[in-house]
């Protein structure tokens, strides 16, 4: 197992309309070249998914390894889910999507981010998300959607 590092992402959030920071774990791919593979699902960072290869370097101002650019995309899609129906536990919604092949990380009760692997068809997942949103159980955003999933989910 390779040694893990934390990488800082400094970004503008369209959802919160403010500058934000978030750190994620990454595996060293080629430290001399500044290449790292993202190892966890981001909660808020747009256009980043686990298994993406990124270039990061030490930033004197931030005093830590800081994201600069994505070198290679994993083809994974990240969905941010907010539970609108407060009578439903977050983990029960996560379980529904886990059974469809999606992994997720819970930020807190009422919010989690979920990832769709590159090899999974997005259409049935998108239909489930839309049904749950139309029923006002959840609300969701697609901050990171792969080209493959974009074509599958919008037929």
N, C-alpha and C. Protein backbone atom coordinates (compact mmCIF):
# COMPACT_ATOMS: atom_id res chain seq x y z
N UNK A 1 0.84 -1.18 0.00
CA UNK A 1 0.00 0.00 0.00
C UNK A 1 0.89 1.24 0.00
N UNK A 2 0.53 2.19 -0.83
CA UNK A 2 1.37 3.39 -0.91
C UNK A 2 1.04 4.37 0.22
N UNK A 3 1.98 5.22 0.46
CA UNK A 3 1.82 6.21 1.51
C UNK A 3 0.79 7.26 1.09
N UNK A 4 -0.09 7.64 2.01
CA UNK A 4 -1.13 8.61 1.68
C UNK A 4 -0.74 10.02 2.14
N UNK A 5 -1.27 10.98 1.40
CA UNK A 5 -1.06 12.40 1.73
C UNK A 5 -2.41 13.10 1.66
N UNK A 6 -2.48 14.24 2.31
CA UNK A 6 -3.68 15.08 2.21
C UNK A 6 -3.38 16.17 1.20
N UNK A 7 -4.36 16.43 0.32
CA UNK A 7 -4.24 17.50 -0.67
C UNK A 7 -5.34 18.51 -0.42
N UNK A 8 -4.95 19.77 -0.42
CA UNK A 8 -5.89 20.87 -0.22
C UNK A 8 -6.46 21.33 -1.56
N UNK A 9 -7.76 21.50 -1.61
CA UNK A 9 -8.44 22.07 -2.78
C UNK A 9 -9.04 23.39 -2.35
N UNK A 10 -8.72 24.43 -3.08
CA UNK A 10 -9.24 25.77 -2.83
C UNK A 10 -10.08 26.10 -4.05
N UNK A 11 -11.39 26.28 -3.89
CA UNK A 11 -12.28 26.40 -5.06
C UNK A 11 -13.47 27.30 -4.76
N UNK A 12 -14.10 27.76 -5.81
CA UNK A 12 -15.34 28.52 -5.67
C UNK A 12 -16.51 27.55 -5.78
N UNK A 13 -17.40 27.58 -4.81
CA UNK A 13 -18.58 26.73 -4.83
C UNK A 13 -19.75 27.49 -5.42
N UNK A 14 -20.32 26.94 -6.50
CA UNK A 14 -21.52 27.55 -7.09
C UNK A 14 -22.73 27.35 -6.19
N UNK A 15 -22.73 26.26 -5.43
CA UNK A 15 -23.85 25.97 -4.53
C UNK A 15 -23.91 26.97 -3.39
N UNK A 16 -22.74 27.24 -2.78
CA UNK A 16 -22.70 28.17 -1.65
C UNK A 16 -22.33 29.58 -2.08
N UNK A 17 -21.95 29.72 -3.34
CA UNK A 17 -21.51 31.00 -3.91
C UNK A 17 -20.43 31.65 -3.05
N UNK A 18 -19.44 30.86 -2.70
CA UNK A 18 -18.31 31.38 -1.92
C UNK A 18 -17.07 30.54 -2.16
N UNK A 19 -15.94 31.10 -1.80
CA UNK A 19 -14.66 30.39 -1.88
C UNK A 19 -14.63 29.38 -0.74
N UNK A 20 -14.23 28.15 -1.04
CA UNK A 20 -14.21 27.09 -0.03
C UNK A 20 -12.89 26.32 -0.10
N UNK A 21 -12.60 25.59 0.96
CA UNK A 21 -11.47 24.67 0.97
C UNK A 21 -11.95 23.32 1.47
N UNK A 22 -11.34 22.28 0.93
CA UNK A 22 -11.61 20.91 1.37
C UNK A 22 -10.33 20.13 1.16
N UNK A 23 -10.05 19.20 2.04
CA UNK A 23 -8.89 18.33 1.85
C UNK A 23 -9.38 16.92 1.56
N UNK A 24 -8.61 16.21 0.73
CA UNK A 24 -8.91 14.81 0.42
C UNK A 24 -7.63 14.00 0.57
N UNK A 25 -7.82 12.71 0.80
CA UNK A 25 -6.69 11.79 0.86
C UNK A 25 -6.31 11.38 -0.56
N UNK A 26 -5.02 11.15 -0.76
CA UNK A 26 -4.54 10.71 -2.06
C UNK A 26 -3.34 9.78 -1.87
N UNK A 27 -3.16 8.89 -2.83
CA UNK A 27 -2.00 8.00 -2.86
C UNK A 27 -0.93 8.64 -3.75
N UNK A 28 0.32 8.47 -3.35
CA UNK A 28 1.43 8.98 -4.17
C UNK A 28 1.54 8.12 -5.42
N UNK A 29 1.56 8.76 -6.59
CA UNK A 29 1.77 8.06 -7.85
C UNK A 29 3.22 8.29 -8.28
N UNK A 30 3.62 9.55 -8.35
CA UNK A 30 5.00 9.94 -8.67
C UNK A 30 5.24 11.28 -7.97
N UNK A 31 5.76 11.18 -6.76
CA UNK A 31 5.92 12.37 -5.92
C UNK A 31 6.84 13.40 -6.56
N UNK A 32 7.89 12.94 -7.25
CA UNK A 32 8.82 13.88 -7.88
C UNK A 32 8.12 14.72 -8.94
N UNK A 33 7.16 14.13 -9.64
CA UNK A 33 6.40 14.86 -10.67
C UNK A 33 5.15 15.52 -10.09
N UNK A 34 4.90 15.29 -8.79
CA UNK A 34 3.74 15.90 -8.13
C UNK A 34 2.42 15.23 -8.49
N UNK A 35 2.47 13.92 -8.81
CA UNK A 35 1.26 13.22 -9.23
C UNK A 35 0.69 12.35 -8.10
N UNK A 36 -0.62 12.47 -7.90
CA UNK A 36 -1.31 11.77 -6.82
C UNK A 36 -2.66 11.26 -7.32
N UNK A 37 -3.10 10.11 -6.76
CA UNK A 37 -4.41 9.55 -7.12
C UNK A 37 -5.37 9.79 -5.95
N UNK A 38 -6.46 10.47 -6.23
CA UNK A 38 -7.45 10.78 -5.21
C UNK A 38 -8.02 9.48 -4.64
N UNK A 39 -8.12 9.41 -3.31
CA UNK A 39 -8.52 8.17 -2.65
C UNK A 39 -9.86 8.25 -1.93
N UNK A 40 -10.49 9.40 -1.87
CA UNK A 40 -11.81 9.42 -1.25
C UNK A 40 -12.77 10.30 -2.05
N UNK A 41 -14.04 10.12 -1.79
CA UNK A 41 -15.07 10.87 -2.51
C UNK A 41 -15.14 12.28 -1.92
N UNK A 42 -14.97 13.30 -2.75
CA UNK A 42 -15.06 14.66 -2.23
C UNK A 42 -16.50 15.02 -1.83
N UNK A 43 -16.63 15.83 -0.79
CA UNK A 43 -17.95 16.27 -0.35
C UNK A 43 -18.46 17.45 -1.18
N UNK A 44 -17.59 18.39 -1.48
CA UNK A 44 -18.03 19.63 -2.13
C UNK A 44 -17.25 20.01 -3.39
N UNK A 45 -16.05 19.47 -3.57
CA UNK A 45 -15.18 19.88 -4.68
C UNK A 45 -15.81 19.50 -6.02
N UNK A 46 -15.97 20.46 -6.93
CA UNK A 46 -16.50 20.12 -8.26
C UNK A 46 -15.40 19.56 -9.17
N UNK A 47 -15.82 18.72 -10.11
CA UNK A 47 -14.95 18.21 -11.17
C UNK A 47 -13.80 17.32 -10.69
N UNK A 48 -13.96 16.70 -9.52
CA UNK A 48 -12.96 15.78 -8.98
C UNK A 48 -13.68 14.54 -8.47
N UNK A 49 -13.09 13.37 -8.74
CA UNK A 49 -13.64 12.11 -8.24
C UNK A 49 -12.49 11.24 -7.76
N UNK A 50 -12.82 10.20 -6.99
CA UNK A 50 -11.75 9.30 -6.55
C UNK A 50 -11.17 8.60 -7.77
N UNK A 51 -9.91 8.25 -7.65
CA UNK A 51 -9.11 7.62 -8.70
C UNK A 51 -8.67 8.59 -9.80
N UNK A 52 -9.08 9.86 -9.74
CA UNK A 52 -8.52 10.86 -10.65
C UNK A 52 -7.04 11.03 -10.30
N UNK A 53 -6.20 11.27 -11.29
CA UNK A 53 -4.80 11.58 -11.06
C UNK A 53 -4.66 13.10 -11.14
N UNK A 54 -4.10 13.68 -10.09
CA UNK A 54 -3.97 15.13 -10.04
C UNK A 54 -2.51 15.55 -9.85
N UNK A 55 -2.23 16.78 -10.26
CA UNK A 55 -0.94 17.39 -10.00
C UNK A 55 -1.12 18.32 -8.81
N UNK A 56 -0.29 18.16 -7.79
CA UNK A 56 -0.34 19.00 -6.60
C UNK A 56 1.08 19.33 -6.19
N UNK A 57 1.24 20.50 -5.59
CA UNK A 57 2.57 20.89 -5.10
C UNK A 57 2.42 21.62 -3.78
N UNK A 58 3.53 21.69 -3.05
CA UNK A 58 3.51 22.36 -1.76
C UNK A 58 3.30 23.85 -1.98
N UNK A 59 2.33 24.40 -1.28
CA UNK A 59 2.01 25.82 -1.40
C UNK A 59 2.49 26.53 -0.12
N UNK A 60 3.37 27.51 -0.30
CA UNK A 60 3.93 28.23 0.86
C UNK A 60 2.85 28.95 1.67
N UNK A 61 1.88 29.54 1.00
CA UNK A 61 0.81 30.27 1.70
C UNK A 61 -0.06 29.32 2.51
N UNK A 62 -0.45 28.21 1.88
CA UNK A 62 -1.34 27.25 2.55
C UNK A 62 -0.57 26.34 3.51
N UNK A 63 0.75 26.23 3.30
CA UNK A 63 1.61 25.36 4.10
C UNK A 63 1.21 23.89 4.01
N UNK A 64 0.76 23.50 2.81
CA UNK A 64 0.47 22.08 2.58
C UNK A 64 0.39 21.80 1.09
N UNK A 65 0.34 20.53 0.76
CA UNK A 65 0.20 20.08 -0.61
C UNK A 65 -1.13 20.61 -1.16
N UNK A 66 -1.08 21.29 -2.32
CA UNK A 66 -2.26 21.96 -2.85
C UNK A 66 -2.50 21.57 -4.30
N UNK A 67 -3.75 21.29 -4.61
CA UNK A 67 -4.18 20.90 -5.96
C UNK A 67 -3.88 22.01 -6.95
N UNK A 68 -3.39 21.62 -8.14
CA UNK A 68 -3.14 22.57 -9.22
C UNK A 68 -3.96 22.23 -10.46
N UNK A 69 -3.97 20.91 -10.84
CA UNK A 69 -4.76 20.53 -12.02
C UNK A 69 -4.99 19.02 -12.04
N UNK A 70 -6.01 18.62 -12.79
CA UNK A 70 -6.29 17.20 -12.99
C UNK A 70 -5.55 16.75 -14.23
N UNK A 71 -4.80 15.66 -14.09
CA UNK A 71 -3.98 15.13 -15.17
C UNK A 71 -4.74 14.03 -15.93
N UNK A 72 -5.47 13.21 -15.18
CA UNK A 72 -6.21 12.09 -15.79
C UNK A 72 -7.50 11.85 -15.01
N UNK A 73 -8.62 11.83 -15.74
CA UNK A 73 -9.92 11.60 -15.11
C UNK A 73 -10.21 10.10 -15.02
N UNK A 74 -10.84 9.69 -13.92
CA UNK A 74 -11.15 8.28 -13.69
C UNK A 74 -12.40 7.83 -14.43
N UNK A 75 -13.23 8.77 -14.85
CA UNK A 75 -14.49 8.42 -15.49
C UNK A 75 -15.61 8.21 -14.49
N UNK A 76 -15.33 8.52 -13.23
CA UNK A 76 -16.35 8.38 -12.18
C UNK A 76 -17.18 9.66 -12.09
N UNK A 77 -18.41 9.51 -11.62
CA UNK A 77 -19.32 10.64 -11.43
C UNK A 77 -19.59 10.80 -9.95
N UNK A 78 -19.62 12.05 -9.47
CA UNK A 78 -19.93 12.34 -8.07
C UNK A 78 -21.28 13.06 -8.00
N UNK A 79 -22.13 12.57 -7.12
CA UNK A 79 -23.44 13.16 -6.89
C UNK A 79 -23.50 13.62 -5.43
N UNK A 80 -23.95 14.86 -5.23
CA UNK A 80 -24.15 15.38 -3.87
C UNK A 80 -25.63 15.25 -3.55
N UNK A 81 -25.94 14.64 -2.41
CA UNK A 81 -27.33 14.37 -2.05
C UNK A 81 -27.67 15.02 -0.71
N UNK A 82 -28.77 15.78 -0.72
CA UNK A 82 -29.31 16.38 0.49
C UNK A 82 -30.64 15.69 0.77
N UNK A 83 -30.82 15.23 2.00
CA UNK A 83 -32.07 14.57 2.38
C UNK A 83 -33.08 15.68 2.74
N UNK A 84 -34.15 15.74 1.99
CA UNK A 84 -35.18 16.77 2.22
C UNK A 84 -36.21 16.29 3.25
N UNK A 85 -36.52 14.99 3.22
CA UNK A 85 -37.49 14.41 4.15
C UNK A 85 -36.72 14.03 5.43
N UNK A 86 -36.85 14.86 6.44
CA UNK A 86 -36.05 14.68 7.66
C UNK A 86 -36.48 13.48 8.50
N UNK A 87 -37.56 12.79 8.09
CA UNK A 87 -37.97 11.58 8.81
C UNK A 87 -37.18 10.36 8.33
N UNK A 88 -36.41 10.54 7.26
CA UNK A 88 -35.63 9.43 6.69
C UNK A 88 -34.16 9.59 7.06
N UNK A 89 -33.57 8.50 7.56
CA UNK A 89 -32.15 8.53 7.92
C UNK A 89 -31.27 8.53 6.68
N UNK A 90 -30.20 9.27 6.73
CA UNK A 90 -29.25 9.38 5.62
C UNK A 90 -28.74 8.01 5.19
N UNK A 91 -28.39 7.16 6.15
CA UNK A 91 -27.84 5.85 5.80
C UNK A 91 -28.82 4.96 5.05
N UNK A 92 -30.11 5.13 5.27
CA UNK A 92 -31.09 4.31 4.54
C UNK A 92 -31.13 4.71 3.06
N UNK A 93 -30.93 5.98 2.77
CA UNK A 93 -30.86 6.45 1.37
C UNK A 93 -29.54 5.98 0.75
N UNK A 94 -28.46 6.08 1.50
CA UNK A 94 -27.16 5.60 1.00
C UNK A 94 -27.24 4.13 0.63
N UNK A 95 -27.94 3.33 1.45
CA UNK A 95 -28.07 1.89 1.22
C UNK A 95 -28.78 1.60 -0.10
N UNK A 96 -29.80 2.38 -0.44
CA UNK A 96 -30.53 2.20 -1.71
C UNK A 96 -29.55 2.32 -2.88
N UNK A 97 -28.69 3.32 -2.84
CA UNK A 97 -27.74 3.53 -3.94
C UNK A 97 -26.56 2.57 -3.88
N UNK A 98 -26.21 2.13 -2.68
CA UNK A 98 -25.16 1.11 -2.53
C UNK A 98 -25.57 -0.16 -3.25
N UNK A 99 -26.84 -0.53 -3.14
CA UNK A 99 -27.36 -1.73 -3.81
C UNK A 99 -27.34 -1.57 -5.33
N UNK A 100 -27.29 -0.33 -5.82
CA UNK A 100 -27.19 -0.06 -7.26
C UNK A 100 -25.73 0.03 -7.71
N UNK A 101 -24.79 -0.14 -6.76
CA UNK A 101 -23.37 -0.16 -7.10
C UNK A 101 -22.61 1.12 -6.78
N UNK A 102 -23.24 2.05 -6.05
CA UNK A 102 -22.61 3.34 -5.74
C UNK A 102 -22.06 3.37 -4.32
N UNK A 103 -20.84 3.86 -4.19
CA UNK A 103 -20.26 4.07 -2.87
C UNK A 103 -20.55 5.50 -2.45
N UNK A 104 -20.57 5.73 -1.16
CA UNK A 104 -20.83 7.10 -0.69
C UNK A 104 -20.11 7.37 0.61
N UNK A 105 -19.98 8.66 0.91
CA UNK A 105 -19.40 9.09 2.19
C UNK A 105 -20.36 10.11 2.79
N UNK A 106 -20.71 9.87 4.04
CA UNK A 106 -21.66 10.73 4.74
C UNK A 106 -20.91 11.89 5.40
N UNK A 107 -21.33 13.10 5.08
CA UNK A 107 -20.74 14.28 5.70
C UNK A 107 -21.37 14.51 7.06
N UNK A 108 -22.69 14.40 7.09
CA UNK A 108 -23.45 14.55 8.33
C UNK A 108 -24.87 14.03 8.07
N UNK A 109 -25.68 14.00 9.12
CA UNK A 109 -27.07 13.55 8.93
C UNK A 109 -27.75 14.54 8.00
N UNK A 110 -28.22 14.05 6.87
CA UNK A 110 -28.90 14.91 5.92
C UNK A 110 -28.09 15.24 4.67
N UNK A 111 -26.81 14.83 4.63
CA UNK A 111 -26.00 15.13 3.45
C UNK A 111 -24.92 14.07 3.24
N UNK A 112 -24.80 13.61 1.97
CA UNK A 112 -23.69 12.71 1.62
C UNK A 112 -23.32 12.93 0.17
N UNK A 113 -22.10 12.53 -0.16
CA UNK A 113 -21.69 12.53 -1.57
C UNK A 113 -21.51 11.08 -1.98
N UNK A 114 -21.87 10.82 -3.22
CA UNK A 114 -21.94 9.46 -3.74
C UNK A 114 -21.18 9.40 -5.05
N UNK A 115 -20.58 8.25 -5.31
CA UNK A 115 -19.81 8.10 -6.54
C UNK A 115 -20.32 6.93 -7.37
N UNK A 116 -20.39 7.17 -8.67
CA UNK A 116 -20.81 6.15 -9.61
C UNK A 116 -19.57 5.68 -10.37
N UNK A 117 -19.19 4.41 -10.22
CA UNK A 117 -18.01 3.91 -10.92
C UNK A 117 -18.15 4.06 -12.44
N UNK A 118 -17.04 4.18 -13.11
CA UNK A 118 -17.01 4.42 -14.56
C UNK A 118 -17.73 3.33 -15.34
N UNK A 119 -17.66 2.08 -14.86
CA UNK A 119 -18.25 0.96 -15.62
C UNK A 119 -19.74 0.78 -15.38
N UNK A 120 -20.34 1.55 -14.49
CA UNK A 120 -21.76 1.42 -14.16
C UNK A 120 -22.60 2.28 -15.09
N UNK A 121 -23.76 1.76 -15.49
CA UNK A 121 -24.69 2.54 -16.30
C UNK A 121 -25.40 3.55 -15.39
N UNK A 122 -25.36 4.82 -15.77
CA UNK A 122 -25.93 5.88 -14.95
C UNK A 122 -27.45 5.96 -15.06
N UNK A 123 -28.02 5.48 -16.14
CA UNK A 123 -29.46 5.67 -16.39
C UNK A 123 -30.36 5.20 -15.24
N UNK A 124 -30.23 3.95 -14.73
CA UNK A 124 -31.12 3.53 -13.63
C UNK A 124 -30.89 4.34 -12.35
N UNK A 125 -29.66 4.76 -12.12
CA UNK A 125 -29.34 5.56 -10.93
C UNK A 125 -29.97 6.95 -11.07
N UNK A 126 -29.82 7.54 -12.24
CA UNK A 126 -30.40 8.86 -12.53
C UNK A 126 -31.93 8.81 -12.38
N UNK A 127 -32.56 7.75 -12.88
CA UNK A 127 -34.02 7.61 -12.75
C UNK A 127 -34.43 7.55 -11.28
N UNK A 128 -33.65 6.79 -10.47
CA UNK A 128 -33.95 6.68 -9.04
C UNK A 128 -33.77 8.04 -8.35
N UNK A 129 -32.69 8.75 -8.69
CA UNK A 129 -32.46 10.09 -8.13
C UNK A 129 -33.62 11.02 -8.48
N UNK A 130 -34.03 11.00 -9.75
CA UNK A 130 -35.12 11.88 -10.19
C UNK A 130 -36.44 11.53 -9.50
N UNK A 131 -36.75 10.24 -9.37
CA UNK A 131 -37.99 9.84 -8.68
C UNK A 131 -37.98 10.31 -7.24
N UNK A 132 -36.83 10.14 -6.57
CA UNK A 132 -36.74 10.55 -5.16
C UNK A 132 -36.80 12.07 -5.02
N UNK A 133 -36.22 12.77 -6.00
CA UNK A 133 -36.28 14.24 -5.95
C UNK A 133 -37.71 14.72 -6.22
N UNK A 134 -38.37 14.12 -7.20
CA UNK A 134 -39.76 14.49 -7.51
C UNK A 134 -40.70 14.20 -6.35
N UNK A 135 -40.36 13.21 -5.54
CA UNK A 135 -41.16 12.87 -4.34
C UNK A 135 -40.74 13.71 -3.13
N UNK A 136 -39.79 14.63 -3.34
CA UNK A 136 -39.28 15.53 -2.29
C UNK A 136 -38.63 14.79 -1.13
N UNK A 137 -38.05 13.62 -1.44
CA UNK A 137 -37.29 12.86 -0.44
C UNK A 137 -35.87 13.42 -0.38
N UNK A 138 -35.30 13.70 -1.57
CA UNK A 138 -33.94 14.24 -1.66
C UNK A 138 -33.92 15.40 -2.64
N UNK A 139 -32.79 16.09 -2.62
CA UNK A 139 -32.41 17.01 -3.68
C UNK A 139 -30.98 16.62 -4.01
N UNK A 140 -30.57 16.78 -5.28
CA UNK A 140 -29.21 16.37 -5.61
C UNK A 140 -28.59 17.28 -6.65
N UNK A 141 -27.24 17.22 -6.70
CA UNK A 141 -26.47 17.98 -7.68
C UNK A 141 -25.44 17.04 -8.28
N UNK A 142 -25.00 17.35 -9.49
CA UNK A 142 -24.00 16.55 -10.21
C UNK A 142 -22.76 17.41 -10.46
N UNK A 143 -21.94 17.66 -9.44
CA UNK A 143 -20.77 18.54 -9.62
C UNK A 143 -19.67 17.93 -10.49
N UNK A 144 -19.66 16.60 -10.58
CA UNK A 144 -18.66 15.90 -11.38
C UNK A 144 -19.38 14.81 -12.14
N UNK A 145 -19.55 15.00 -13.46
CA UNK A 145 -20.23 13.97 -14.24
C UNK A 145 -19.36 13.60 -15.43
N UNK A 146 -19.06 12.31 -15.54
CA UNK A 146 -18.19 11.85 -16.63
C UNK A 146 -18.92 11.95 -17.96
N UNK A 147 -18.18 12.01 -19.04
CA UNK A 147 -18.78 12.08 -20.38
C UNK A 147 -19.68 10.86 -20.62
N UNK A 148 -19.22 9.68 -20.22
CA UNK A 148 -20.00 8.46 -20.40
C UNK A 148 -21.33 8.55 -19.67
N UNK A 149 -21.29 8.95 -18.41
CA UNK A 149 -22.51 9.05 -17.61
C UNK A 149 -23.42 10.17 -18.10
N UNK A 150 -22.85 11.24 -18.63
CA UNK A 150 -23.66 12.34 -19.16
C UNK A 150 -24.56 11.83 -20.28
N UNK A 151 -24.01 11.00 -21.17
CA UNK A 151 -24.81 10.49 -22.29
C UNK A 151 -25.82 9.45 -21.83
N UNK A 152 -25.47 8.66 -20.81
CA UNK A 152 -26.38 7.61 -20.32
C UNK A 152 -27.56 8.17 -19.53
N UNK A 153 -27.33 9.21 -18.78
CA UNK A 153 -28.35 9.70 -17.86
C UNK A 153 -29.36 10.63 -18.49
N UNK A 154 -29.13 11.04 -19.73
CA UNK A 154 -29.98 12.06 -20.33
C UNK A 154 -30.54 11.63 -21.66
N UNK A 155 -30.92 10.37 -21.76
CA UNK A 155 -31.47 9.85 -23.04
C UNK A 155 -32.93 10.29 -23.19
